[in-house]
Amino acid sequence: MFKNILASKTLWVNGVTLVATGTGFFAGALSSHPDLVCWLVLVQAVANILLRFMTKTAIVTTPIKPQTDVAVSK
């Protein structure tokens, strides 16, 4: 079974983290708080591990055609 890429919790968590840390980085807020950066990386890693264990289906960006069995000629 496959699901749409927008239904992926892992991608949403990573996207939100990317926006939050990117905003902090470009605003200069993270350079003066290295401990905060360490905590953000730790929380992100734990969230990814937990979401990976919850994953049951693969994501797809394009429709997948069902495979057909091909007989091998001898």
C-alpha atoms as a PDB file:
ATOM      1  CA  MET A   1       0.000   0.000   0.000  1.00  0.00           C
ATOM      2  CA  PHE A   2       1.220   3.499  -0.805  1.00  0.00           C
ATOM      3  CA  LYS A   3       0.213   6.967   0.353  1.00  0.00           C
ATOM      4  CA  ASN A   4       0.471  10.473  -1.011  1.00  0.00           C
ATOM      5  CA  ILE A   5       3.623  12.388  -0.105  1.00  0.00           C
ATOM      6  CA  LEU A   6       1.546  15.067   1.671  1.00  0.00           C
ATOM      7  CA  ALA A   7       0.202  12.445   4.090  1.00  0.00           C
ATOM      8  CA  SER A   8       3.695  11.709   5.454  1.00  0.00           C
ATOM      9  CA  LYS A   9       4.097  12.814   9.083  1.00  0.00           C
ATOM     10  CA  THR A  10       7.866  12.474   8.780  1.00  0.00           C
ATOM     11  CA  LEU A  11       8.042  14.913   5.885  1.00  0.00           C
ATOM     12  CA  TRP A  12       5.785  17.399   7.685  1.00  0.00           C
ATOM     13  CA  VAL A  13       7.919  17.266  10.854  1.00  0.00           C
ATOM     14  CA  ASN A  14      11.086  17.712   8.804  1.00  0.00           C
ATOM     15  CA  GLY A  15       9.545  20.581   6.838  1.00  0.00           C
ATOM     16  CA  VAL A  16       8.435  22.432   9.964  1.00  0.00           C
ATOM     17  CA  THR A  17      11.870  21.914  11.526  1.00  0.00           C
ATOM     18  CA  LEU A  18      13.554  23.167   8.365  1.00  0.00           C
ATOM     19  CA  VAL A  19      11.456  26.337   8.328  1.00  0.00           C
ATOM     20  CA  ALA A  20      11.942  26.977  12.061  1.00  0.00           C
ATOM     21  CA  THR A  21      15.690  26.435  12.073  1.00  0.00           C
ATOM     22  CA  GLY A  22      16.179  28.200   8.747  1.00  0.00           C
ATOM     23  CA  THR A  23      14.328  31.243  10.021  1.00  0.00           C
ATOM     24  CA  GLY A  24      16.370  31.271  13.224  1.00  0.00           C
ATOM     25  CA  PHE A  25      19.612  30.802  11.315  1.00  0.00           C
ATOM     26  CA  PHE A  26      19.018  33.601   8.826  1.00  0.00           C
ATOM     27  CA  ALA A  27      17.754  35.914  11.581  1.00  0.00           C
ATOM     28  CA  GLY A  28      21.004  35.299  13.475  1.00  0.00           C
ATOM     29  CA  ALA A  29      19.220  33.944  16.532  1.00  0.00           C
ATOM     30  CA  LEU A  30      20.831  30.506  16.472  1.00  0.00           C
ATOM     31  CA  SER A  31      24.460  31.617  16.211  1.00  0.00           C
ATOM     32  CA  SER A  32      24.368  33.065  19.721  1.00  0.00           C
ATOM     33  CA  HIS A  33      22.650  29.975  21.214  1.00  0.00           C
ATOM     34  CA  PRO A  34      24.679  26.843  20.392  1.00  0.00           C
ATOM     35  CA  ASP A  35      22.969  24.888  23.187  1.00  0.00           C
ATOM     36  CA  LEU A  36      19.604  25.524  21.547  1.00  0.00           C
ATOM     37  CA  VAL A  37      20.955  24.194  18.255  1.00  0.00           C
ATOM     38  CA  CYS A  38      22.112  20.988  20.002  1.00  0.00           C
ATOM     39  CA  TRP A  39      18.656  20.498  21.509  1.00  0.00           C
ATOM     40  CA  LEU A  40      16.936  21.109  18.167  1.00  0.00           C
ATOM     41  CA  VAL A  41      19.123  18.488  16.505  1.00  0.00           C
ATOM     42  CA  LEU A  42      18.450  16.003  19.323  1.00  0.00           C
ATOM     43  CA  VAL A  43      14.671  16.541  19.211  1.00  0.00           C
ATOM     44  CA  GLN A  44      14.681  16.219  15.411  1.00  0.00           C
ATOM     45  CA  ALA A  45      16.605  12.943  15.541  1.00  0.00           C
ATOM     46  CA  VAL A  46      14.285  11.451  18.174  1.00  0.00           C
ATOM     47  CA  ALA A  47      11.189  12.579  16.255  1.00  0.00           C
ATOM     48  CA  ASN A  48      12.501  10.987  13.049  1.00  0.00           C
ATOM     49  CA  ILE A  49      13.257   7.698  14.813  1.00  0.00           C
ATOM     50  CA  LEU A  50       9.807   7.569  16.424  1.00  0.00           C
ATOM     51  CA  LEU A  51       8.041   8.436  13.180  1.00  0.00           C
ATOM     52  CA  ARG A  52      10.075   5.800  11.338  1.00  0.00           C
ATOM     53  CA  PHE A  53       8.844   3.098  13.731  1.00  0.00           C
ATOM     54  CA  MET A  54       5.253   4.301  13.204  1.00  0.00           C
ATOM     55  CA  THR A  55       5.571   4.127   9.413  1.00  0.00           C
ATOM     56  CA  LYS A  56       3.516   1.382   7.807  1.00  0.00           C
ATOM     57  CA  THR A  57       3.319   2.489   4.176  1.00  0.00           C
ATOM     58  CA  ALA A  58       5.657   3.920   1.583  1.00  0.00           C
ATOM     59  CA  ILE A  59       5.106   7.310   0.000  1.00  0.00           C
ATOM     60  CA  VAL A  60       4.929   7.941  -3.716  1.00  0.00           C
ATOM     61  CA  THR A  61       5.111  11.046  -5.861  1.00  0.00           C
ATOM     62  CA  THR A  62       3.723   9.389  -8.992  1.00  0.00           C
ATOM     63  CA  PRO A  63       1.203   6.595  -9.450  1.00  0.00           C
ATOM     64  CA  ILE A  64       2.784   3.169  -9.421  1.00  0.00           C
ATOM     65  CA  LYS A  65       1.693   0.596 -11.963  1.00  0.00           C
ATOM     66  CA  PRO A  66       1.161  -2.915 -10.615  1.00  0.00           C
ATOM     67  CA  GLN A  67       3.869  -5.384 -11.527  1.00  0.00           C
ATOM     68  CA  THR A  68       3.022  -8.202 -13.844  1.00  0.00           C
ATOM     69  CA  ASP A  69       4.698 -11.575 -13.690  1.00  0.00           C
ATOM     70  CA  VAL A  70       6.749 -12.264 -16.771  1.00  0.00           C
ATOM     71  CA  ALA A  71       7.380 -15.857 -17.688  1.00  0.00           C
ATOM     72  CA  VAL A  72      11.026 -16.674 -18.287  1.00  0.00           C
ATOM     73  CA  SER A  73      11.713 -18.523 -21.566  1.00  0.00           C
ATOM     74  CA  LYS A  74      14.051 -21.496 -21.436  1.00  0.00           C
END
